Structure formats: structure tokens, C-alpha cells
Protein backbone atom coordinates (compact mmCIF):
# COMPACT_ATOMS: atom_id res chain seq x y z
CA MET A 1 0.32 -0.08 0.24
CA ALA A 2 1.79 3.08 -0.82
CA ALA A 3 1.78 6.33 1.49
CA THR A 4 -0.77 8.40 -0.05
CA SER A 5 -3.15 5.12 -0.09
CA PHE A 6 -2.57 4.05 3.61
CA LEU A 7 -2.78 8.28 4.75
CA TYR A 8 -6.45 7.34 3.13
CA SER A 9 -7.50 4.74 4.28
CA GLN A 10 -6.19 5.84 7.53
CA LEU A 11 -7.83 9.17 7.33
CA PHE A 12 -10.92 9.14 6.09
CA VAL A 13 -12.41 5.55 5.19
CA SER A 14 -15.02 5.15 7.70
CA LEU A 15 -15.22 1.16 8.78
CA PRO A 16 -18.52 -0.28 8.64
CA GLN A 17 -20.28 -0.74 11.80
CA PRO A 18 -20.32 -5.14 12.90
CA ASP A 19 -24.34 -5.99 12.77
CA HIS A 20 -23.91 -10.08 11.52
CA ASP A 21 -25.52 -12.48 14.35
CA PHE A 22 -23.59 -14.91 15.75
CA THR A 23 -26.89 -16.04 17.10
CA GLY A 24 -25.50 -19.58 18.36
CA GLN A 25 -21.77 -19.64 17.12
CA THR A 26 -19.19 -20.65 18.86
CA ILE A 27 -15.92 -18.07 18.32
CA VAL A 28 -12.24 -18.06 18.78
CA ILE A 29 -10.02 -14.84 19.01
CA THR A 30 -6.00 -15.20 20.16
CA GLY A 31 -4.32 -12.13 21.87
CA ALA A 32 -8.12 -11.58 22.90
CA ASN A 33 -7.06 -9.95 26.47
CA VAL A 34 -7.02 -6.56 25.35
CA GLY A 35 -6.11 -3.91 21.66
CA LEU A 36 -7.86 -5.60 18.48
CA GLY A 37 -9.07 -8.99 20.29
CA LEU A 38 -11.08 -7.14 23.02
CA ASN A 39 -12.73 -4.56 20.59
CA ALA A 40 -13.68 -7.78 18.62
CA ALA A 41 -14.70 -9.88 21.65
CA ARG A 42 -17.16 -7.33 23.12
CA HIS A 43 -18.57 -6.36 19.21
CA LEU A 44 -19.04 -10.69 19.01
CA LEU A 45 -20.83 -11.22 22.15
CA GLU A 46 -22.87 -7.68 21.36
CA LEU A 47 -24.02 -10.06 18.78
CA ASN A 48 -25.06 -12.43 20.18
CA ALA A 49 -22.22 -14.85 20.14
CA SER A 50 -22.74 -17.94 22.53
CA TYR A 51 -19.33 -18.94 23.36
CA VAL A 52 -16.01 -16.42 23.48
CA ILE A 53 -13.27 -18.18 23.92
CA LEU A 54 -10.18 -16.15 24.61
CA GLY A 55 -6.55 -16.98 23.78
CA VAL A 56 -4.24 -15.28 25.88
CA ARG A 57 -1.04 -15.48 27.45
CA ASP A 58 -1.13 -14.41 30.81
CA MET A 59 -4.35 -15.70 32.80
CA THR A 60 -4.76 -13.22 35.88
CA LYS A 61 -4.61 -10.48 32.26
CA GLY A 62 -7.86 -12.82 30.77
CA GLU A 63 -9.87 -13.11 34.01
CA ILE A 64 -9.28 -9.33 33.92
CA ALA A 65 -10.35 -9.10 30.23
CA LYS A 66 -13.32 -11.35 30.82
CA LYS A 67 -14.83 -9.02 33.81
CA TYR A 68 -14.67 -6.72 31.46
CA LEU A 69 -16.52 -8.90 28.33
CA GLU A 70 -18.98 -10.11 30.93
CA GLN A 71 -21.16 -7.11 31.06
CA PHE A 72 -21.78 -7.42 27.33
CA ALA A 73 -23.01 -10.59 26.88
CA LYS A 74 -25.91 -11.60 26.69
CA GLU A 75 -27.26 -13.91 29.60
CA THR A 76 -26.98 -16.87 27.94
CA SER A 77 -23.26 -16.74 26.38
CA ARG A 78 -20.33 -17.64 27.99
CA ILE A 79 -16.34 -16.48 28.42
CA ASP A 80 -13.27 -19.15 29.12
CA VAL A 81 -10.14 -17.71 29.20
CA PHE A 82 -7.19 -20.59 27.28
CA GLU A 83 -3.38 -20.34 28.29
CA LEU A 84 -1.85 -19.46 24.93
CA ASP A 85 1.30 -18.65 24.65
CA MET A 86 2.66 -17.90 20.58
CA GLU A 87 6.55 -18.35 21.43
CA ASP A 88 5.63 -22.39 23.58
CA TYR A 89 4.44 -24.97 20.46
CA GLN A 90 3.88 -26.84 23.23
CA SER A 91 1.31 -24.25 24.64
CA VAL A 92 0.10 -23.72 21.11
CA GLN A 93 -0.92 -27.35 21.04
CA SER A 94 -2.49 -27.31 24.03
CA PHE A 95 -4.71 -24.57 23.03
CA ALA A 96 -5.70 -26.66 19.93
CA LYS A 97 -6.33 -29.70 21.59
CA ARG A 98 -8.55 -27.84 24.83
CA THR A 99 -10.81 -25.70 22.25
CA SER A 100 -10.94 -28.82 20.19
CA ALA A 101 -12.76 -31.27 22.88
CA VAL A 102 -15.25 -27.81 22.88
CA PRO A 103 -18.73 -29.51 21.41
CA ARG A 104 -18.06 -27.26 18.12
CA VAL A 105 -16.01 -24.04 16.51
CA ASP A 106 -17.65 -21.91 14.18
CA VAL A 107 -15.04 -19.01 13.78
CA VAL A 108 -11.09 -18.68 14.69
CA ILE A 109 -9.45 -15.76 14.68
CA LEU A 110 -5.88 -16.09 14.64
CA ASN A 111 -5.20 -11.93 16.43
CA ALA A 112 -2.12 -12.57 18.67
CA GLY A 113 0.75 -11.44 16.87
CA LYS A 114 4.15 -9.24 17.99
CA ILE A 115 7.02 -6.34 16.87
CA ALA A 116 9.80 -7.64 18.40
CA GLN A 117 12.86 -4.61 18.87
CA GLU A 118 15.63 -7.29 20.55
CA PHE A 119 16.54 -10.21 18.79
CA TYR A 120 15.64 -13.75 20.34
CA ILE A 121 15.25 -17.00 19.48
CA ALA A 122 11.68 -18.93 20.47
CA GLU A 123 11.90 -22.32 19.08
CA GLU A 124 14.65 -22.59 16.69
CA ASP A 125 13.36 -19.43 14.45
CA GLU A 126 13.77 -16.07 15.71
CA SER A 127 10.82 -15.06 18.03
CA THR A 128 8.67 -12.57 15.37
CA ILE A 129 8.57 -15.53 12.52
CA THR A 130 7.43 -17.44 15.53
CA VAL A 131 4.58 -16.25 16.67
CA ASN A 132 3.37 -14.18 13.67
CA VAL A 133 3.95 -16.85 11.56
CA VAL A 134 4.73 -20.49 12.91
CA SER A 135 2.09 -20.87 15.34
CA THR A 136 -0.12 -18.76 13.83
CA MET A 137 -0.14 -21.93 10.94
CA LEU A 138 0.65 -24.71 13.17
CA LEU A 139 -2.88 -23.55 15.22
CA ALA A 140 -4.85 -22.79 11.80
CA LEU A 141 -3.62 -26.20 11.08
CA LEU A 142 -4.77 -28.24 14.39
CA LEU A 143 -8.05 -26.08 14.40
CA LEU A 144 -8.93 -27.26 11.00
CA PRO A 145 -10.34 -30.53 11.98
CA LYS A 146 -11.96 -29.38 14.66
CA LEU A 147 -14.02 -25.63 12.27
CA ARG A 148 -14.71 -28.61 9.51
CA ALA A 149 -16.37 -30.62 12.11
CA SER A 150 -18.40 -28.59 13.23
CA ALA A 151 -20.03 -27.69 9.76
CA GLN A 152 -23.55 -27.67 9.09
CA ALA A 153 -25.64 -28.39 5.91
CA GLY A 154 -27.93 -25.15 5.10
CA LYS A 155 -25.22 -23.50 7.45
CA GLN A 156 -22.97 -20.15 6.94
CA CYS A 157 -19.54 -22.04 6.56
CA PRO A 158 -17.18 -22.24 9.79
CA ARG A 159 -14.29 -19.03 8.75
CA LEU A 160 -11.02 -18.49 9.28
CA VAL A 161 -9.41 -15.23 10.24
CA ILE A 162 -5.14 -14.39 10.29
CA VAL A 163 -4.94 -10.99 11.13
CA SER A 164 -1.56 -9.50 8.94
CA SER A 165 -0.88 -6.48 8.52
CA ASP A 166 -0.53 -3.64 5.73
CA ARG A 167 2.59 -2.97 6.82
CA HIS A 168 4.26 -6.42 4.32
CA VAL A 169 4.49 -5.02 1.33
CA MET A 170 7.91 -2.14 2.74
CA THR A 171 9.80 -6.18 3.39
CA LYS A 172 12.72 -5.85 1.42
CA LEU A 173 13.15 -9.49 2.24
CA PRO A 174 16.86 -9.74 3.24
CA GLU A 175 17.14 -13.08 4.17
CA TRP A 176 17.32 -14.18 0.12
CA LYS A 177 20.64 -12.38 -0.77
CA ALA A 178 21.34 -13.85 3.59
CA PRO A 179 25.04 -16.18 3.07
CA ASP A 180 23.77 -17.45 6.56
CA THR A 181 20.80 -16.30 8.06
CA PHE A 182 20.96 -16.14 11.92
CA GLU A 183 23.93 -14.34 11.54
CA ALA A 184 23.01 -11.72 8.71
CA LEU A 185 19.41 -11.57 11.23
CA ARG A 186 21.76 -10.52 14.14
CA ASN A 187 23.17 -7.43 12.08
CA LYS A 188 20.86 -4.88 13.35
CA ALA A 189 22.75 -3.53 10.61
CA TYR A 190 21.31 -5.65 7.45
CA TYR A 191 18.68 -6.29 8.75
CA GLY A 192 16.58 -4.54 11.34
CA PRO A 193 13.42 -5.43 14.05
CA ASP A 194 10.53 -3.04 11.42
CA ASP A 195 12.01 -5.25 8.95
CA ARG A 196 11.63 -8.95 10.34
CA TYR A 197 8.19 -6.99 11.95
CA TYR A 198 7.18 -6.98 7.87
CA ALA A 199 8.31 -9.81 6.50
CA SER A 200 6.81 -12.12 9.88
CA LYS A 201 3.48 -10.31 7.79
CA LEU A 202 4.44 -11.06 4.09
CA LEU A 203 4.69 -14.73 4.88
CA SER A 204 1.38 -14.66 7.22
CA VAL A 205 -0.27 -14.39 4.14
CA LEU A 206 0.77 -16.06 1.88
CA CYS A 207 0.93 -18.57 3.90
CA MET A 208 -3.42 -18.12 4.14
CA ARG A 209 -3.44 -18.22 0.33
CA GLN A 210 -1.34 -21.42 0.20
CA LEU A 211 -3.63 -23.10 3.26
CA ALA A 212 -7.31 -21.39 1.38
CA ASN A 213 -5.66 -22.60 -1.98
CA GLU A 214 -4.88 -26.53 -0.77
CA ILE A 215 -8.18 -26.78 0.94
CA VAL A 216 -10.78 -25.53 -1.67
CA LEU A 217 -12.28 -28.33 -3.13
CA LYS A 218 -11.84 -30.00 0.60
CA SER A 219 -15.21 -31.29 2.05
CA PRO A 220 -16.63 -29.86 4.22
CA ARG A 221 -15.98 -25.77 3.90
CA VAL A 222 -13.84 -23.52 6.50
CA VAL A 223 -13.12 -20.05 4.29
CA VAL A 224 -10.05 -18.82 5.02
CA ASN A 225 -8.99 -15.52 4.55
CA GLY A 226 -6.64 -12.72 5.72
CA LEU A 227 -7.14 -9.37 6.99
CA THR A 228 -5.07 -5.70 8.10
CA PRO A 229 -6.68 -3.85 10.34
CA GLY A 230 -5.16 -0.53 9.61
CA TYR A 231 -3.15 0.81 12.03
CA CYS A 232 -4.36 0.86 15.26
CA VAL A 233 -3.41 2.65 19.42
CA THR A 234 -2.78 -0.63 20.19
CA ASN A 235 -0.30 -1.83 22.88
CA LEU A 236 1.68 -3.84 19.71
CA VAL A 237 4.13 -1.60 19.72
CA ASN A 238 4.35 -0.56 23.38
CA GLY A 239 8.49 -0.79 23.94
CA VAL A 240 9.61 0.02 20.47
CA LYS A 241 12.55 2.77 20.43
CA GLY A 242 15.17 4.63 18.55
CA PHE A 243 13.78 6.15 15.35
CA TRP A 244 11.46 3.59 14.41
CA GLY A 245 9.86 3.79 18.03
CA TRP A 246 9.44 8.09 16.81
CA GLN A 247 7.81 7.53 14.15
CA LEU A 248 5.10 5.01 15.41
CA TRP A 249 5.25 7.52 18.68
CA PHE A 250 4.33 9.68 15.50
CA MET A 251 1.83 7.97 13.90
CA LYS A 252 -0.18 6.58 16.99
CA HIS A 253 -0.76 10.17 17.45
CA SER A 254 -1.72 11.25 14.12
CA VAL A 255 -3.05 8.61 12.00
CA ALA A 256 -3.62 5.81 14.03
CA ARG A 257 -7.32 4.44 13.76
CA THR A 258 -9.41 3.20 17.86
CA ALA A 259 -8.73 -0.27 19.13
CA GLU A 260 -12.41 0.02 18.46
CA GLN A 261 -12.29 0.14 15.06
CA GLY A 262 -9.82 -1.46 13.84
CA SER A 263 -11.63 -4.34 15.41
CA ARG A 264 -14.11 -4.24 13.68
CA THR A 265 -12.43 -5.50 11.41
CA LEU A 266 -11.62 -8.35 12.34
CA VAL A 267 -15.50 -9.12 13.04
CA HIS A 268 -16.48 -7.57 9.13
CA ALA A 269 -13.93 -10.94 8.07
CA ALA A 270 -15.36 -13.44 10.38
CA THR A 271 -19.05 -12.63 8.70
CA LEU A 272 -18.00 -13.55 4.83
CA GLY A 273 -18.45 -16.38 3.15
CA PHE A 274 -16.57 -18.41 0.65
CA GLU A 275 -16.76 -14.98 -1.93
CA SER A 276 -12.95 -13.99 0.47
CA HIS A 277 -12.35 -17.99 0.37
CA GLY A 278 -8.39 -16.53 -0.03
CA LYS A 279 -8.71 -13.52 0.09
CA TYR A 280 -6.81 -10.73 1.74
CA LEU A 281 -8.68 -7.25 3.39
CA ASN A 282 -8.50 -4.08 3.75
CA ASP A 283 -10.92 -1.42 5.26
CA CYS A 284 -13.20 -4.44 5.24
CA LYS A 285 -12.61 -4.10 1.17
CA ILE A 286 -11.26 -8.30 -0.49
CA ASP A 287 -7.90 -5.94 -2.07
CA GLU A 288 -5.53 -8.19 -4.21
């Protein structure tokens, strides 16, 4: 997305208020105790979701989020908090196993993500790639059978939503030129934390599209799509320092959407049918 398109989107596009009816549906949201995930959960409960599962790394914060969300839930709605650490594959597998044990799952919104200024390894990959790409796709694959098993004739297909970023267009993908990838990554002059994030979001879009292609002919159908919420006021960039941190701070105070506004894009993607399969959504519209 060019700078002019980005600014127009951020400043002049009014995102639609969610109005889909989620009555009877079970919805899983990762990264759900703050920001986009928390606001999306609020919308879903207000739109009659029967059961919302919050995937969170910090259970104490998750319980605080649950208490907050209860005021928006209907009397018959249920909210549960499941532990999920996206830097730990065992935690991802445990979360998927626990989620798969519930009676049904209609929607999975994979929202958990990170920006890391410090380079460190998690599960044998750089932590940003582990969280934003590998664990996200691992969780998608582990929950696909449950989504497929939850499909009902005559009702909307189950949906798998992967939250990405419009900043995926900014990566230069220096890895393909690196003689020794990890050594190159450790050289900040060669590959900074901003490009690690951008690369992770490009990879998430490519993986989403490949997954959609792999299952397009499988039945029962599961809709897989991805989206950008735009740049929003959330905790994602807290702690980022230096020139990049200054840029993010300036944008946060000048062009950023609120977390509530950005969360509308997550809910919108969760309402769509097979017309959105394998598609990338921007401003609640399919965008190539």
C-alpha cells in the first residue's frame, strides 16, 4: 500500500459498524485480552455470540478481560479464558487440544502477534517469525479439523481469519541474500526489527493464501481469509525505541485508528462466506 493510499485509508475511510448476528456460534480469538482482540470479543458478544474463547498468554490479564467483557454478554452467553503462549509450540498444541474438546467451533480469529526490537530465538526461529508465522499457521492447521467437523448443512461455513498487516508490502526480504541467515539477522544494520515484522506479515499473507488453495476443494468447506486492521492504537508497539519507535509514536498520535475501529475489520472478516476464501481484506473490502 502506497503512502497516499495508507493515509487516505487511515484518515478518511469509515469502517462499517458490525451488525452480523452470531447467535448460536462459538468463536475463538487469540491475543484477546487487550486491543483489537478484546474489542472484537466485545462486538461479538454484543452480536449474540453464544460462546467466546479468549486465547491469552497471561491468565491474570485474561481473567480481567473476561470480567470486562461479561457486561456486554447476553445472559445465555459464555466466556472462557484459555492459556496460549505463541512462543511455545507445546502451549499452541495444548490450546488447540483444549479448544477442540468444546462441542463446536464456528469461527477462529488468529489475532495474536508481536513486534520485537530485541533479537532472540524462540523454538529455533527468530521470535517474531515464530509468533506471527509458524505458531499462527500451526494453530490454524490444528484447529481446521474442528472447524470442518462443526460445519452444518444449510448454515454458514466455519471461518478461519488470520490477522496480518498492510505493512507486509514494505519488506525487502533480505533473508534470500543471506549466506548465514541467523548471523545476518543478528546484524541490525542488515536486518532490523521493523523488517522482521514486515517480513512476518508478508509470510502470513502468503501462508494464508497457500492454505486456502490447499483446502479449496475439501468438504465440508472452511473459509480462510486474511486482513489488515490498519494502524491502530494498541499495545503492539509499546516499548519500541529509537527512530522506528519515534515514527510509530508519531503515527499513533496523528493517523492511527482506535482499537475499537480496527476491531471492526476482524469481526467483518468473520462474517464473510466463500467469496472471501483465500482473499486479503483491507478496509473491510477484498483488496488484491
